[in-house]
Amino acid sequence: MKVINQLATGLLFATAATVAHAEDSKLTLGAGVGVVGHPYKQYHSDVYPVPAIDFESNNFWFHGLGGGYYLWNDTADKLSITAYWSPQYFKPGDSDNNQLRKLDRRQSTMMAGLSYMHFTQYGFLRTTLAGDTLDKSNGIVWDAAWLYRYTNGALTVTPGIGVRWDSDNQNEYYYGVSKKESSKSGLRSYDADSGFNPYLELSVNYKLTDSWSVYGVGRYLRLSDEITDSPMVDKSWTGLLSTGITYSF
């Protein structure tokens, strides 16, 4: 089973936080399955198991692949120091494209930074600014979204619209092609700049009992020109779908 990419990480990380606040639960455990696409040429979509682990306290939180420490935490505003594992990667052997199989591998990393949420009667803002801490890409990623939570009995639906910004170092590491790689693969060399990737997302949660719930999440992300112009990429968008069941203590 292949490791999930950054899109999956960002969505599961954000959705877990959204679900945790919706349920007002200290601890939630569960499992599900996810399907995620890759923008690289002749990369197959991955189907993988998804663990759901959410923990909330007044000072600490842990959601999915990340966690944090609250610097400010009240009903309207939540500011925290955060760190999360971002397993965005490129493994040449996972592509069926002969040229991409000759490129260098791009590795996953640990991201760290600040996360902020602001709640109003019209919805809530969710934003995170984080940078690579393991000297892989030396990149920075900023994600911001506005979401609205609607609850009707046991059903909670949370649509959202957002944008993710990737720095030039981030895009260069994962989508750039060096002159050395170009000479080996036959692909043109490519230097990537920073870019904005708008997206739509939707999460649905249905309470079966006071403790058991089923959920579904999805995101459609439109890739920036800095990504789609890469000779490694043959798609203008990517997306994720996930569904599962959770138990709240």
Protein backbone atom coordinates (compact mmCIF):
# COMPACT_ATOMS: atom_id res chain seq x y z
CA MET A 1 0.00 0.00 0.00
CA LYS A 2 1.44 3.34 -1.03
CA VAL A 3 1.73 6.27 1.33
CA ILE A 4 -0.89 8.99 0.90
CA ASN A 5 0.17 12.24 -0.73
CA GLN A 6 -0.02 15.80 0.55
CA LEU A 7 -3.55 16.35 -0.64
CA ALA A 8 -4.78 13.46 1.47
CA THR A 9 -2.78 14.67 4.44
CA GLY A 10 -4.11 18.20 4.24
CA LEU A 11 -7.72 17.11 3.90
CA LEU A 12 -7.65 14.42 6.60
CA PHE A 13 -5.77 16.75 8.94
CA ALA A 14 -8.28 19.57 8.42
CA THR A 15 -11.37 17.38 8.38
CA ALA A 16 -10.40 15.67 11.61
CA ALA A 17 -10.24 19.04 13.32
CA THR A 18 -13.61 19.99 11.88
CA VAL A 19 -15.25 16.75 13.00
CA ALA A 20 -13.72 16.99 16.47
CA HIS A 21 -15.18 20.44 17.03
CA ALA A 22 -18.52 19.32 15.64
CA GLU A 23 -18.73 16.38 18.02
CA ASP A 24 -17.40 18.15 21.14
CA SER A 25 -15.67 14.91 22.08
CA LYS A 26 -12.45 14.44 23.99
CA LEU A 27 -11.44 11.27 22.16
CA THR A 28 -12.65 9.72 18.91
CA LEU A 29 -11.26 6.56 17.31
CA GLY A 30 -12.21 4.95 14.04
CA ALA A 31 -11.19 3.56 10.69
CA GLY A 32 -12.12 3.98 7.06
CA VAL A 33 -10.91 3.80 3.49
CA GLY A 34 -9.69 6.56 1.17
CA VAL A 35 -9.12 7.01 -2.55
CA VAL A 36 -6.67 9.70 -3.67
CA GLY A 37 -5.39 10.70 -7.09
CA HIS A 38 -1.88 11.80 -8.06
CA PRO A 39 -1.07 14.58 -10.56
CA TYR A 40 2.04 12.80 -11.89
CA LYS A 41 1.98 11.16 -15.30
CA GLN A 42 0.68 7.59 -15.34
CA TYR A 43 0.37 7.39 -11.57
CA HIS A 44 -2.53 5.23 -10.45
CA SER A 45 -5.02 6.34 -7.80
CA ASP A 46 -4.32 4.88 -4.37
CA VAL A 47 -6.82 3.04 -2.18
CA TYR A 48 -5.65 2.87 1.43
CA PRO A 49 -6.89 2.37 5.00
CA VAL A 50 -7.49 5.58 6.98
CA PRO A 51 -7.11 5.59 10.77
CA ALA A 52 -9.21 8.21 12.55
CA ILE A 53 -7.69 9.39 15.82
CA ASP A 54 -8.92 12.64 17.38
CA PHE A 55 -8.10 13.99 20.83
CA GLU A 56 -9.00 17.36 22.35
CA SER A 57 -8.08 19.00 25.64
CA ASN A 58 -7.88 22.59 26.79
CA ASN A 59 -4.16 22.71 25.94
CA PHE A 60 -3.40 19.98 23.42
CA TRP A 61 -5.03 18.42 20.37
CA PHE A 62 -4.22 15.56 18.05
CA HIS A 63 -6.02 14.95 14.75
CA GLY A 64 -4.99 12.34 12.20
CA LEU A 65 -1.35 12.92 11.23
CA GLY A 66 -0.86 16.09 13.25
CA GLY A 67 -1.13 17.71 16.62
CA GLY A 68 -0.69 21.00 18.37
CA TYR A 69 -0.48 23.09 21.51
CA TYR A 70 -3.00 25.89 22.02
CA LEU A 71 -1.63 29.38 22.50
CA TRP A 72 -5.19 30.70 22.62
CA ASN A 73 -8.35 28.64 23.01
CA ASP A 74 -11.89 29.94 23.50
CA THR A 75 -15.24 29.45 21.78
CA ALA A 76 -14.51 31.99 19.02
CA ASP A 77 -10.76 31.73 18.41
CA LYS A 78 -8.24 28.91 18.53
CA LEU A 79 -4.56 29.58 17.82
CA SER A 80 -2.00 26.82 18.15
CA ILE A 81 1.52 25.72 17.38
CA THR A 82 1.18 22.70 15.12
CA ALA A 83 3.23 19.93 13.56
CA TYR A 84 2.12 17.24 11.14
CA TRP A 85 3.57 14.57 8.90
CA SER A 86 3.20 15.48 5.23
CA PRO A 87 3.90 12.33 3.20
CA GLN A 88 3.83 14.01 -0.19
CA TYR A 89 6.27 12.03 -2.25
CA PHE A 90 7.31 10.99 -5.73
CA LYS A 91 8.59 7.46 -6.19
CA PRO A 92 9.86 6.90 -9.77
CA GLY A 93 9.09 3.18 -9.70
CA ASP A 94 5.40 3.91 -9.01
CA SER A 95 4.96 5.55 -12.41
CA ASP A 96 4.32 3.64 -15.64
CA ASN A 97 5.96 6.46 -17.58
CA ASN A 98 9.48 5.51 -18.72
CA GLN A 99 10.74 9.09 -18.52
CA LEU A 100 9.44 9.67 -14.99
CA ARG A 101 11.02 6.40 -13.87
CA LYS A 102 14.44 8.00 -14.52
CA LEU A 103 13.88 10.98 -12.22
CA ASP A 104 15.06 11.39 -8.64
CA ARG A 105 12.87 10.39 -5.72
CA ARG A 106 11.10 13.13 -3.73
CA GLN A 107 10.60 12.34 -0.04
CA SER A 108 7.95 13.09 2.58
CA THR A 109 8.64 15.39 5.53
CA MET A 110 7.50 16.86 8.84
CA MET A 111 5.80 20.26 8.63
CA ALA A 112 5.48 22.70 11.53
CA GLY A 113 3.97 26.14 12.00
CA LEU A 114 0.83 27.91 13.23
CA SER A 115 -2.84 26.97 12.93
CA TYR A 116 -5.80 29.29 13.52
CA MET A 117 -9.58 28.84 13.57
CA HIS A 118 -12.19 31.59 13.99
CA PHE A 119 -15.86 30.71 14.54
CA THR A 120 -18.87 32.94 13.71
CA GLN A 121 -22.60 32.41 13.23
CA TYR A 122 -21.98 32.50 9.46
CA GLY A 123 -19.32 29.79 9.42
CA PHE A 124 -15.70 29.52 10.40
CA LEU A 125 -12.22 30.27 9.10
CA ARG A 126 -9.56 27.56 9.13
CA THR A 127 -5.97 28.40 8.21
CA THR A 128 -2.52 26.88 8.67
CA LEU A 129 0.95 28.16 7.75
CA ALA A 130 3.70 25.54 7.96
CA GLY A 131 7.20 24.88 6.71
CA ASP A 132 9.40 21.85 6.09
CA THR A 133 11.48 20.96 9.16
CA LEU A 134 13.54 18.06 7.78
CA ASP A 135 15.45 19.85 5.01
CA LYS A 136 13.64 17.98 2.21
CA SER A 137 11.91 20.69 0.20
CA ASN A 138 12.63 23.65 2.50
CA GLY A 139 9.20 24.74 1.32
CA ILE A 140 6.29 26.58 2.92
CA VAL A 141 2.60 25.73 2.58
CA TRP A 142 -0.29 28.03 3.51
CA ASP A 143 -3.85 26.73 3.55
CA ALA A 144 -6.98 28.82 4.22
CA ALA A 145 -10.66 27.93 3.94
CA TRP A 146 -14.09 29.19 4.92
CA LEU A 147 -16.55 26.51 5.98
CA TYR A 148 -20.14 26.40 7.15
CA ARG A 149 -21.47 23.66 9.41
CA TYR A 150 -25.13 22.67 9.07
CA THR A 151 -26.70 20.25 11.56
CA ASN A 152 -30.12 18.66 11.30
CA GLY A 153 -30.71 16.03 13.97
CA ALA A 154 -28.09 13.31 13.62
CA LEU A 155 -26.77 14.70 10.31
CA THR A 156 -23.96 17.28 10.08
CA VAL A 157 -22.86 18.64 6.69
CA THR A 158 -19.85 20.97 6.35
CA PRO A 159 -19.11 22.41 2.89
CA GLY A 160 -16.11 24.65 2.38
CA ILE A 161 -14.12 26.64 -0.15
CA GLY A 162 -10.43 27.32 0.19
CA VAL A 163 -7.03 27.84 -1.34
CA ARG A 164 -3.61 26.33 -0.76
CA TRP A 165 -0.42 28.24 -1.55
CA ASP A 166 2.83 26.36 -2.18
CA SER A 167 6.12 28.25 -2.11
CA ASP A 168 8.60 28.06 -4.98
CA ASN A 169 10.84 25.67 -2.99
CA GLN A 170 7.85 23.40 -2.35
CA ASN A 171 6.82 23.26 -6.00
CA GLU A 172 10.39 23.01 -7.23
CA TYR A 173 11.15 20.00 -5.05
CA TYR A 174 8.05 18.00 -5.97
CA TYR A 175 7.50 19.13 -9.57
CA GLY A 176 10.77 20.62 -10.84
CA VAL A 177 13.10 18.81 -13.26
CA SER A 178 16.83 19.54 -12.93
CA LYS A 179 19.19 19.70 -15.90
CA LYS A 180 20.77 16.44 -14.73
CA GLU A 181 17.37 14.75 -14.59
CA SER A 182 16.50 16.22 -17.99
CA SER A 183 19.59 14.71 -19.61
CA LYS A 184 18.80 11.29 -18.09
CA SER A 185 15.07 11.21 -18.80
CA GLY A 186 14.61 13.25 -21.95
CA LEU A 187 12.12 15.53 -20.19
CA ARG A 188 12.67 19.27 -20.52
CA SER A 189 14.19 20.92 -17.46
CA TYR A 190 11.71 22.88 -15.36
CA ASP A 191 12.02 25.42 -12.54
CA ALA A 192 8.77 25.91 -10.63
CA ASP A 193 7.63 29.08 -8.88
CA SER A 194 5.06 29.48 -6.12
CA GLY A 195 1.39 29.00 -6.90
CA PHE A 196 -2.19 29.05 -5.56
CA ASN A 197 -4.41 25.96 -5.70
CA PRO A 198 -8.14 26.65 -5.08
CA TYR A 199 -10.32 23.84 -3.78
CA LEU A 200 -13.80 22.77 -2.73
CA GLU A 201 -14.41 20.32 0.08
CA LEU A 202 -17.33 18.62 1.78
CA SER A 203 -17.58 16.57 4.95
CA VAL A 204 -20.67 14.66 6.10
CA ASN A 205 -21.14 13.05 9.51
CA TYR A 206 -24.14 10.98 10.66
CA LYS A 207 -24.58 9.87 14.27
CA LEU A 208 -25.83 6.29 14.45
CA THR A 209 -25.88 6.41 18.26
CA ASP A 210 -24.52 8.74 20.93
CA SER A 211 -21.10 7.15 20.39
CA TRP A 212 -21.03 5.67 16.86
CA SER A 213 -20.92 7.79 13.70
CA VAL A 214 -20.26 7.31 10.00
CA TYR A 215 -18.54 9.96 7.92
CA GLY A 216 -17.61 10.87 4.37
CA VAL A 217 -15.20 13.54 3.14
CA GLY A 218 -14.12 14.78 -0.26
CA ARG A 219 -12.01 17.48 -1.84
CA TYR A 220 -11.57 18.73 -5.40
CA LEU A 221 -8.38 20.76 -5.89
CA ARG A 222 -7.55 22.74 -9.02
CA LEU A 223 -3.80 22.73 -9.58
CA SER A 224 -1.89 25.95 -10.21
CA ASP A 225 -0.16 26.61 -13.53
CA GLU A 226 3.19 26.19 -11.77
CA ILE A 227 2.26 22.55 -11.15
CA THR A 228 0.42 21.75 -14.38
CA ASP A 229 3.26 23.25 -16.49
CA SER A 230 5.66 20.66 -15.05
CA PRO A 231 6.63 17.90 -17.51
CA MET A 232 6.04 15.48 -14.62
CA VAL A 233 2.31 16.30 -14.54
CA ASP A 234 -0.52 15.48 -16.94
CA LYS A 235 -3.58 16.56 -14.90
CA SER A 236 -5.16 19.94 -14.10
CA TRP A 237 -6.82 18.79 -10.89
CA THR A 238 -6.69 16.13 -8.23
CA GLY A 239 -9.03 14.95 -5.52
CA LEU A 240 -9.77 12.68 -2.61
CA LEU A 241 -12.70 10.69 -1.25
CA SER A 242 -12.81 8.96 2.12
CA THR A 243 -15.44 7.24 4.24
CA GLY A 244 -15.44 5.36 7.54
CA ILE A 245 -16.87 4.85 11.00
CA THR A 246 -15.86 6.36 14.36
CA TYR A 247 -16.52 5.83 18.07
CA SER A 248 -16.54 8.78 20.48
CA PHE A 249 -15.68 8.27 24.16
